[in-house]
Amino acid sequence: MKTTVIACIQERSAARPSCAGRGGVQLADRLEQALAAQGLAAPVERIACFGRCDEGPNLRIAPGGAFFTGMTPERLDEVVAAVRTALPASGG
């Protein structure tokens, strides 16, 4: 199974927390750029919800990898490093 980053981009009403409301879409876009810049062949799949809206934005490395909560642009290097570790030695 191919290594993938799953990013929540769920949008809820302004009165409820959501990953999209906290910048989840922009994080997914920036992560795609960061992975490409590092030559890492891992797609970013956008999903509707992990069910952890109070902790978002949320990302997960699949299959079976790390789960990241409260993501910020400054922490994207953590995700890139986790992807690098999860990928086969050939980078994809």
PDB file of N, CA and C in Angstrom:
ATOM      1  N   MET A   1       0.842  -1.187   0.000  1.00  0.00           N
ATOM      2  CA  MET A   1       0.000   0.000   0.000  1.00  0.00           C
ATOM      3  C   MET A   1       0.885   1.247   0.000  1.00  0.00           C
ATOM      4  N   LYS A   2       0.531   2.211  -0.806  1.00  0.00           N
ATOM      5  CA  LYS A   2       1.323   3.423  -0.971  1.00  0.00           C
ATOM      6  C   LYS A   2       1.171   4.346   0.235  1.00  0.00           C
ATOM      7  N   THR A   3       2.284   4.954   0.657  1.00  0.00           N
ATOM      8  CA  THR A   3       2.252   5.923   1.741  1.00  0.00           C
ATOM      9  C   THR A   3       1.507   7.164   1.285  1.00  0.00           C
ATOM     10  N   THR A   4       0.546   7.593   2.087  1.00  0.00           N
ATOM     11  CA  THR A   4      -0.306   8.734   1.794  1.00  0.00           C
ATOM     12  C   THR A   4      -0.436   9.584   3.048  1.00  0.00           C
ATOM     13  N   VAL A   5      -0.583  10.881   2.880  1.00  0.00           N
ATOM     14  CA  VAL A   5      -0.923  11.751   4.004  1.00  0.00           C
ATOM     15  C   VAL A   5      -2.399  12.072   3.865  1.00  0.00           C
ATOM     16  N   ILE A   6      -3.144  11.827   4.920  1.00  0.00           N
ATOM     17  CA  ILE A   6      -4.573  12.128   4.919  1.00  0.00           C
ATOM     18  C   ILE A   6      -4.774  13.415   5.712  1.00  0.00           C
ATOM     19  N   ALA A   7      -5.416  14.391   5.084  1.00  0.00           N
ATOM     20  CA  ALA A   7      -5.623  15.698   5.694  1.00  0.00           C
ATOM     21  C   ALA A   7      -7.106  15.979   5.822  1.00  0.00           C
ATOM     22  N   CYS A   8      -7.526  16.348   7.025  1.00  0.00           N
ATOM     23  CA  CYS A   8      -8.923  16.725   7.221  1.00  0.00           C
ATOM     24  C   CYS A   8      -9.124  18.156   6.739  1.00  0.00           C
ATOM     25  N   ILE A   9     -10.161  18.344   5.944  1.00  0.00           N
ATOM     26  CA  ILE A   9     -10.520  19.684   5.477  1.00  0.00           C
ATOM     27  C   ILE A   9     -12.002  19.964   5.768  1.00  0.00           C
ATOM     28  N   GLN A  10     -12.530  19.335   6.806  1.00  0.00           N
ATOM     29  CA  GLN A  10     -13.939  19.497   7.181  1.00  0.00           C
ATOM     30  C   GLN A  10     -14.246  20.948   7.528  1.00  0.00           C
ATOM     31  N   GLU A  11     -15.298  21.464   6.947  1.00  0.00           N
ATOM     32  CA  GLU A  11     -15.767  22.823   7.229  1.00  0.00           C
ATOM     33  C   GLU A  11     -17.075  22.725   8.002  1.00  0.00           C
ATOM     34  N   ARG A  12     -17.125  23.356   9.132  1.00  0.00           N
ATOM     35  CA  ARG A  12     -18.340  23.391   9.949  1.00  0.00           C
ATOM     36  C   ARG A  12     -18.790  24.842  10.102  1.00  0.00           C
ATOM     37  N   SER A  13     -19.931  25.033  10.736  1.00  0.00           N
ATOM     38  CA  SER A  13     -20.406  26.397  10.965  1.00  0.00           C
ATOM     39  C   SER A  13     -19.400  27.148  11.831  1.00  0.00           C
ATOM     40  N   ALA A  14     -19.438  28.449  11.771  1.00  0.00           N
ATOM     41  CA  ALA A  14     -18.477  29.275  12.502  1.00  0.00           C
ATOM     42  C   ALA A  14     -18.528  29.026  14.008  1.00  0.00           C
ATOM     43  N   ALA A  15     -19.652  28.533  14.517  1.00  0.00           N
ATOM     44  CA  ALA A  15     -19.796  28.301  15.950  1.00  0.00           C
ATOM     45  C   ALA A  15     -19.147  26.996  16.414  1.00  0.00           C
ATOM     46  N   ARG A  16     -18.746  26.133  15.461  1.00  0.00           N
ATOM     47  CA  ARG A  16     -18.152  24.839  15.817  1.00  0.00           C
ATOM     48  C   ARG A  16     -16.736  24.751  15.272  1.00  0.00           C
ATOM     49  N   PRO A  17     -15.825  24.145  16.028  1.00  0.00           N
ATOM     50  CA  PRO A  17     -14.453  24.006  15.531  1.00  0.00           C
ATOM     51  C   PRO A  17     -14.398  23.087  14.322  1.00  0.00           C
ATOM     52  N   SER A  18     -13.481  23.394  13.411  1.00  0.00           N
ATOM     53  CA  SER A  18     -13.284  22.530  12.254  1.00  0.00           C
ATOM     54  C   SER A  18     -11.856  22.667  11.750  1.00  0.00           C
ATOM     55  N   CYS A  19     -11.394  21.634  11.086  1.00  0.00           N
ATOM     56  CA  CYS A  19     -10.036  21.679  10.527  1.00  0.00           C
ATOM     57  C   CYS A  19      -9.921  22.754   9.451  1.00  0.00           C
ATOM     58  N   ALA A  20     -10.913  22.840   8.576  1.00  0.00           N
ATOM     59  CA  ALA A  20     -10.864  23.862   7.522  1.00  0.00           C
ATOM     60  C   ALA A  20     -10.909  25.258   8.128  1.00  0.00           C
ATOM     61  N   GLY A  21     -11.708  25.436   9.159  1.00  0.00           N
ATOM     62  CA  GLY A  21     -11.803  26.725   9.818  1.00  0.00           C
ATOM     63  C   GLY A  21     -10.508  27.171  10.466  1.00  0.00           C
ATOM     64  N   ARG A  22      -9.631  26.215  10.711  1.00  0.00           N
ATOM     65  CA  ARG A  22      -8.331  26.505  11.321  1.00  0.00           C
ATOM     66  C   ARG A  22      -7.184  26.393  10.311  1.00  0.00           C
ATOM     67  N   GLY A  23      -7.512  26.390   9.039  1.00  0.00           N
ATOM     68  CA  GLY A  23      -6.474  26.418   8.013  1.00  0.00           C
ATOM     69  C   GLY A  23      -6.105  25.073   7.427  1.00  0.00           C
ATOM     70  N   GLY A  24      -6.946  24.050   7.577  1.00  0.00           N
ATOM     71  CA  GLY A  24      -6.643  22.711   7.090  1.00  0.00           C
ATOM     72  C   GLY A  24      -6.421  22.621   5.583  1.00  0.00           C
ATOM     73  N   VAL A  25      -7.175  23.380   4.821  1.00  0.00           N
ATOM     74  CA  VAL A  25      -7.027  23.347   3.360  1.00  0.00           C
ATOM     75  C   VAL A  25      -5.668  23.927   2.958  1.00  0.00           C
ATOM     76  N   GLN A  26      -5.320  25.049   3.558  1.00  0.00           N
ATOM     77  CA  GLN A  26      -4.035  25.674   3.260  1.00  0.00           C
ATOM     78  C   GLN A  26      -2.875  24.785   3.709  1.00  0.00           C
ATOM     79  N   LEU A  27      -3.029  24.105   4.859  1.00  0.00           N
ATOM     80  CA  LEU A  27      -1.988  23.181   5.316  1.00  0.00           C
ATOM     81  C   LEU A  27      -1.796  22.048   4.321  1.00  0.00           C
ATOM     82  N   ALA A  28      -2.890  21.486   3.823  1.00  0.00           N
ATOM     83  CA  ALA A  28      -2.792  20.398   2.840  1.00  0.00           C
ATOM     84  C   ALA A  28      -2.067  20.887   1.582  1.00  0.00           C
ATOM     85  N   ASP A  29      -2.398  22.091   1.131  1.00  0.00           N
ATOM     86  CA  ASP A  29      -1.737  22.655  -0.050  1.00  0.00           C
ATOM     87  C   ASP A  29      -0.240  22.840   0.201  1.00  0.00           C
ATOM     88  N   ARG A  30       0.105  23.401   1.343  1.00  0.00           N
ATOM     89  CA  ARG A  30       1.516  23.634   1.669  1.00  0.00           C
ATOM     90  C   ARG A  30       2.275  22.331   1.853  1.00  0.00           C
ATOM     91  N   LEU A  31       1.603  21.327   2.416  1.00  0.00           N
ATOM     92  CA  LEU A  31       2.252  20.033   2.594  1.00  0.00           C
ATOM     93  C   LEU A  31       2.557  19.399   1.243  1.00  0.00           C
ATOM     94  N   GLU A  32       1.621  19.482   0.298  1.00  0.00           N
ATOM     95  CA  GLU A  32       1.878  18.977  -1.056  1.00  0.00           C
ATOM     96  C   GLU A  32       3.117  19.636  -1.650  1.00  0.00           C
ATOM     97  N   GLN A  33       3.229  20.933  -1.485  1.00  0.00           N
ATOM     98  CA  GLN A  33       4.387  21.659  -1.999  1.00  0.00           C
ATOM     99  C   GLN A  33       5.674  21.212  -1.309  1.00  0.00           C
ATOM    100  N   ALA A  34       5.621  21.040   0.009  1.00  0.00           N
ATOM    101  CA  ALA A  34       6.814  20.638   0.767  1.00  0.00           C
ATOM    102  C   ALA A  34       7.261  19.232   0.383  1.00  0.00           C
ATOM    103  N   LEU A  35       6.314  18.317   0.214  1.00  0.00           N
ATOM    104  CA  LEU A  35       6.661  16.952  -0.187  1.00  0.00           C
ATOM    105  C   LEU A  35       7.279  16.936  -1.584  1.00  0.00           C
ATOM    106  N   ALA A  36       6.695  17.696  -2.493  1.00  0.00           N
ATOM    107  CA  ALA A  36       7.228  17.766  -3.856  1.00  0.00           C
ATOM    108  C   ALA A  36       8.628  18.371  -3.859  1.00  0.00           C
ATOM    109  N   ALA A  37       8.845  19.414  -3.062  1.00  0.00           N
ATOM    110  CA  ALA A  37      10.153  20.062  -2.994  1.00  0.00           C
ATOM    111  C   ALA A  37      11.228  19.109  -2.476  1.00  0.00           C
ATOM    112  N   GLN A  38      10.827  18.150  -1.643  1.00  0.00           N
ATOM    113  CA  GLN A  38      11.760  17.170  -1.091  1.00  0.00           C
ATOM    114  C   GLN A  38      11.864  15.920  -1.972  1.00  0.00           C
ATOM    115  N   GLY A  39      11.077  15.894  -3.054  1.00  0.00           N
ATOM    116  CA  GLY A  39      11.092  14.740  -3.953  1.00  0.00           C
ATOM    117  C   GLY A  39      10.455  13.509  -3.347  1.00  0.00           C
ATOM    118  N   LEU A  40       9.507  13.707  -2.427  1.00  0.00           N
ATOM    119  CA  LEU A  40       8.839  12.590  -1.756  1.00  0.00           C
ATOM    120  C   LEU A  40       7.511  12.296  -2.443  1.00  0.00           C
ATOM    121  N   ALA A  41       7.373  11.082  -2.947  1.00  0.00           N
ATOM    122  CA  ALA A  41       6.194  10.670  -3.701  1.00  0.00           C
ATOM    123  C   ALA A  41       5.115  10.139  -2.771  1.00  0.00           C
ATOM    124  N   ALA A  42       4.457  11.050  -2.075  1.00  0.00           N
ATOM    125  CA  ALA A  42       3.355  10.681  -1.186  1.00  0.00           C
ATOM    126  C   ALA A  42       2.218  11.667  -1.436  1.00  0.00           C
ATOM    127  N   PRO A  43       1.101  11.195  -1.962  1.00  0.00           N
ATOM    128  CA  PRO A  43      -0.018  12.101  -2.201  1.00  0.00           C
ATOM    129  C   PRO A  43      -0.656  12.571  -0.900  1.00  0.00           C
ATOM    130  N   VAL A  44      -1.318  13.722  -0.968  1.00  0.00           N
ATOM    131  CA  VAL A  44      -2.087  14.250   0.150  1.00  0.00           C
ATOM    132  C   VAL A  44      -3.552  14.068  -0.205  1.00  0.00           C
ATOM    133  N   GLU A  45      -4.221  13.211   0.535  1.00  0.00           N
ATOM    134  CA  GLU A  45      -5.644  12.929   0.309  1.00  0.00           C
ATOM    135  C   GLU A  45      -6.463  13.753   1.288  1.00  0.00           C
ATOM    136  N   ARG A  46      -7.413  14.489   0.763  1.00  0.00           N
ATOM    137  CA  ARG A  46      -8.278  15.314   1.617  1.00  0.00           C
ATOM    138  C   ARG A  46      -9.537  14.533   1.972  1.00  0.00           C
ATOM    139  N   ILE A  47      -9.882  14.543   3.259  1.00  0.00           N
ATOM    140  CA  ILE A  47     -11.086  13.852   3.718  1.00  0.00           C
ATOM    141  C   ILE A  47     -11.978  14.821   4.479  1.00  0.00           C
ATOM    142  N   ALA A  48     -13.202  14.376   4.769  1.00  0.00           N
ATOM    143  CA  ALA A  48     -14.172  15.231   5.434  1.00  0.00           C
ATOM    144  C   ALA A  48     -14.001  15.294   6.940  1.00  0.00           C
ATOM    145  N   CYS A  49     -13.558  14.227   7.604  1.00  0.00           N
ATOM    146  CA  CYS A  49     -13.485  14.322   9.055  1.00  0.00           C
ATOM    147  C   CYS A  49     -12.819  13.105   9.683  1.00  0.00           C
ATOM    148  N   PHE A  50     -11.971  13.352  10.676  1.00  0.00           N
ATOM    149  CA  PHE A  50     -11.410  12.302  11.525  1.00  0.00           C
ATOM    150  C   PHE A  50     -12.245  12.143  12.792  1.00  0.00           C
ATOM    151  N   GLY A  51     -13.169  13.084  13.039  1.00  0.00           N
ATOM    152  CA  GLY A  51     -13.968  13.050  14.260  1.00  0.00           C
ATOM    153  C   GLY A  51     -13.245  13.655  15.456  1.00  0.00           C
ATOM    154  N   ARG A  52     -12.213  14.445  15.187  1.00  0.00           N
ATOM    155  CA  ARG A  52     -11.438  15.061  16.272  1.00  0.00           C
ATOM    156  C   ARG A  52     -11.322  16.565  16.029  1.00  0.00           C
ATOM    157  N   CYS A  53     -12.446  17.187  15.761  1.00  0.00           N
ATOM    158  CA  CYS A  53     -12.489  18.593  15.355  1.00  0.00           C
ATOM    159  C   CYS A  53     -11.878  19.529  16.396  1.00  0.00           C
ATOM    160  N   ASP A  54     -12.050  19.228  17.677  1.00  0.00           N
ATOM    161  CA  ASP A  54     -11.519  20.096  18.723  1.00  0.00           C
ATOM    162  C   ASP A  54      -9.993  20.124  18.737  1.00  0.00           C
ATOM    163  N   GLU A  55      -9.348  19.163  18.085  1.00  0.00           N
ATOM    164  CA  GLU A  55      -7.896  19.053  18.097  1.00  0.00           C
ATOM    165  C   GLU A  55      -7.246  19.496  16.794  1.00  0.00           C
ATOM    166  N   GLY A  56      -8.037  19.884  15.800  1.00  0.00           N
ATOM    167  CA  GLY A  56      -7.518  20.130  14.468  1.00  0.00           C
ATOM    168  C   GLY A  56      -6.760  21.418  14.299  1.00  0.00           C
ATOM    169  N   PRO A  57      -6.207  21.573  13.109  1.00  0.00           N
ATOM    170  CA  PRO A  57      -6.227  20.704  11.955  1.00  0.00           C
ATOM    171  C   PRO A  57      -5.472  19.392  12.205  1.00  0.00           C
ATOM    172  N   ASN A  58      -5.993  18.327  11.593  1.00  0.00           N
ATOM    173  CA  ASN A  58      -5.458  16.986  11.795  1.00  0.00           C
ATOM    174  C   ASN A  58      -4.944  16.378  10.503  1.00  0.00           C
ATOM    175  N   LEU A  59      -3.818  15.665  10.636  1.00  0.00           N
ATOM    176  CA  LEU A  59      -3.220  14.937   9.509  1.00  0.00           C
ATOM    177  C   LEU A  59      -2.844  13.552   9.989  1.00  0.00           C
ATOM    178  N   ARG A  60      -2.825  12.582   9.066  1.00  0.00           N
ATOM    179  CA  ARG A  60      -2.407  11.230   9.404  1.00  0.00           C
ATOM    180  C   ARG A  60      -1.586  10.643   8.262  1.00  0.00           C
ATOM    181  N   ILE A  61      -0.535   9.917   8.631  1.00  0.00           N
ATOM    182  CA  ILE A  61       0.247   9.173   7.654  1.00  0.00           C
ATOM    183  C   ILE A  61      -0.381   7.789   7.548  1.00  0.00           C
ATOM    184  N   ALA A  62      -0.699   7.364   6.341  1.00  0.00           N
ATOM    185  CA  ALA A  62      -1.300   6.045   6.138  1.00  0.00           C
ATOM    186  C   ALA A  62      -0.424   5.251   5.190  1.00  0.00           C
ATOM    187  N   PRO A  63      -0.380   3.967   5.330  1.00  0.00           N
ATOM    188  CA  PRO A  63      -1.105   3.170   6.318  1.00  0.00           C
ATOM    189  C   PRO A  63      -0.381   3.137   7.670  1.00  0.00           C
ATOM    190  N   GLY A  64      -1.177   3.158   8.724  1.00  0.00           N
ATOM    191  CA  GLY A  64      -0.702   2.915  10.075  1.00  0.00           C
ATOM    192  C   GLY A  64       0.361   3.833  10.629  1.00  0.00           C
ATOM    193  N   GLY A  65       0.440   5.050  10.119  1.00  0.00           N
ATOM    194  CA  GLY A  65       1.483   5.946  10.581  1.00  0.00           C
ATOM    195  C   GLY A  65       1.030   6.921  11.644  1.00  0.00           C
ATOM    196  N   ALA A  66       1.836   7.926  11.858  1.00  0.00           N
ATOM    197  CA  ALA A  66       1.608   8.919  12.903  1.00  0.00           C
ATOM    198  C   ALA A  66       0.344   9.732  12.634  1.00  0.00           C
ATOM    199  N   PHE A  67      -0.263  10.185  13.732  1.00  0.00           N
ATOM    200  CA  PHE A  67      -1.427  11.069  13.693  1.00  0.00           C
ATOM    201  C   PHE A  67      -0.981  12.400  14.277  1.00  0.00           C
ATOM    202  N   PHE A  68      -1.235  13.483  13.555  1.00  0.00           N
ATOM    203  CA  PHE A  68      -0.813  14.808  13.978  1.00  0.00           C
ATOM    204  C   PHE A  68      -2.037  15.671  14.250  1.00  0.00           C
ATOM    205  N   THR A  69      -2.098  16.279  15.420  1.00  0.00           N
ATOM    206  CA  THR A  69      -3.199  17.168  15.776  1.00  0.00           C
ATOM    207  C   THR A  69      -2.666  18.581  15.985  1.00  0.00           C
ATOM    208  N   GLY A  70      -3.556  19.545  15.911  1.00  0.00           N
ATOM    209  CA  GLY A  70      -3.169  20.931  16.135  1.00  0.00           C
ATOM    210  C   GLY A  70      -2.075  21.406  15.199  1.00  0.00           C
ATOM    211  N   MET A  71      -2.151  20.961  13.950  1.00  0.00           N
ATOM    212  CA  MET A  71      -1.097  21.273  12.993  1.00  0.00           C
ATOM    213  C   MET A  71      -1.061  22.760  12.647  1.00  0.00           C
ATOM    214  N   THR A  72       0.160  23.230  12.429  1.00  0.00           N
ATOM    215  CA  THR A  72       0.410  24.598  11.996  1.00  0.00           C
ATOM    216  C   THR A  72       1.415  24.542  10.846  1.00  0.00           C
ATOM    217  N   PRO A  73       1.514  25.594  10.064  1.00  0.00           N
ATOM    218  CA  PRO A  73       2.520  25.598   8.993  1.00  0.00           C
ATOM    219  C   PRO A  73       3.934  25.377   9.542  1.00  0.00           C
ATOM    220  N   GLU A  74       4.204  25.875  10.731  1.00  0.00           N
ATOM    221  CA  GLU A  74       5.525  25.736  11.327  1.00  0.00           C
ATOM    222  C   GLU A  74       5.868  24.291  11.677  1.00  0.00           C
ATOM    223  N   ARG A  75       4.870  23.440  11.802  1.00  0.00           N
ATOM    224  CA  ARG A  75       5.090  22.038  12.180  1.00  0.00           C
ATOM    225  C   ARG A  75       5.076  21.089  10.991  1.00  0.00           C
ATOM    226  N   LEU A  76       4.920  21.591   9.784  1.00  0.00           N
ATOM    227  CA  LEU A  76       4.839  20.697   8.627  1.00  0.00           C
ATOM    228  C   LEU A  76       6.115  19.886   8.419  1.00  0.00           C
ATOM    229  N   ASP A  77       7.249  20.388   8.888  1.00  0.00           N
ATOM    230  CA  ASP A  77       8.498  19.623   8.782  1.00  0.00           C
ATOM    231  C   ASP A  77       8.394  18.292   9.522  1.00  0.00           C
ATOM    232  N   GLU A  78       7.620  18.245  10.601  1.00  0.00           N
ATOM    233  CA  GLU A  78       7.403  16.993  11.343  1.00  0.00           C
ATOM    234  C   GLU A  78       6.722  15.957  10.443  1.00  0.00           C
ATOM    235  N   VAL A  79       5.755  16.409   9.679  1.00  0.00           N
ATOM    236  CA  VAL A  79       5.016  15.510   8.797  1.00  0.00           C
ATOM    237  C   VAL A  79       5.919  15.049   7.650  1.00  0.00           C
ATOM    238  N   VAL A  80       6.666  15.969   7.075  1.00  0.00           N
ATOM    239  CA  VAL A  80       7.588  15.616   5.991  1.00  0.00           C
ATOM    240  C   VAL A  80       8.585  14.572   6.490  1.00  0.00           C
ATOM    241  N   ALA A  81       9.118  14.747   7.691  1.00  0.00           N
ATOM    242  CA  ALA A  81      10.064  13.773   8.257  1.00  0.00           C
ATOM    243  C   ALA A  81       9.397  12.419   8.457  1.00  0.00           C
ATOM    244  N   ALA A  82       8.147  12.405   8.910  1.00  0.00           N
ATOM    245  CA  ALA A  82       7.427  11.144   9.107  1.00  0.00           C
ATOM    246  C   ALA A  82       7.171  10.447   7.773  1.00  0.00           C
ATOM    247  N   VAL A  83       6.864  11.221   6.750  1.00  0.00           N
ATOM    248  CA  VAL A  83       6.663  10.637   5.420  1.00  0.00           C
ATOM    249  C   VAL A  83       7.972  10.040   4.919  1.00  0.00           C
ATOM    250  N   ARG A  84       9.055  10.769   5.087  1.00  0.00           N
ATOM    251  CA  ARG A  84      10.366  10.277   4.644  1.00  0.00           C
ATOM    252  C   ARG A  84      10.675   8.933   5.310  1.00  0.00           C
ATOM    253  N   THR A  85      10.380   8.802   6.584  1.00  0.00           N
ATOM    254  CA  THR A  85      10.607   7.566   7.326  1.00  0.00           C
ATOM    255  C   THR A  85       9.702   6.443   6.832  1.00  0.00           C
ATOM    256  N   ALA A  86       8.464   6.783   6.478  1.00  0.00           N
ATOM    257  CA  ALA A  86       7.484   5.773   6.073  1.00  0.00           C
ATOM    258  C   ALA A  86       7.696   5.256   4.654  1.00  0.00           C
ATOM    259  N   LEU A  87       8.328   6.061   3.810  1.00  0.00           N
ATOM    260  CA  LEU A  87       8.518   5.664   2.414  1.00  0.00           C
ATOM    261  C   LEU A  87       9.646   4.642   2.280  1.00  0.00           C
ATOM    262  N   PRO A  88       9.540   3.776   1.292  1.00  0.00           N
ATOM    263  CA  PRO A  88      10.661   2.881   0.985  1.00  0.00           C
ATOM    264  C   PRO A  88      11.902   3.695   0.634  1.00  0.00           C
ATOM    265  N   ALA A  89      13.052   3.101   0.695  1.00  0.00           N
ATOM    266  CA  ALA A  89      14.324   3.797   0.453  1.00  0.00           C
ATOM    267  C   ALA A  89      14.371   4.508  -0.889  1.00  0.00           C
ATOM    268  N   SER A  90      13.598   4.056  -1.875  1.00  0.00           N
ATOM    269  CA  SER A  90      13.595   4.690  -3.190  1.00  0.00           C
ATOM    270  C   SER A  90      12.832   5.991  -3.213  1.00  0.00           C
ATOM    271  N   GLY A  91      12.107   6.325  -2.094  1.00  0.00           N
ATOM    272  CA  GLY A  91      11.364   7.583  -2.037  1.00  0.00           C
ATOM    273  C   GLY A  91       9.948   7.485  -2.521  1.00  0.00           C
ATOM    274  N   GLY A  92       9.487   6.320  -2.881  1.00  0.00           N
ATOM    275  CA  GLY A  92       8.109   6.251  -3.344  1.00  0.00           C
ATOM    276  C   GLY A  92       7.661   4.881  -3.297  1.00  0.00           C
TER     277      GLY A  92
END
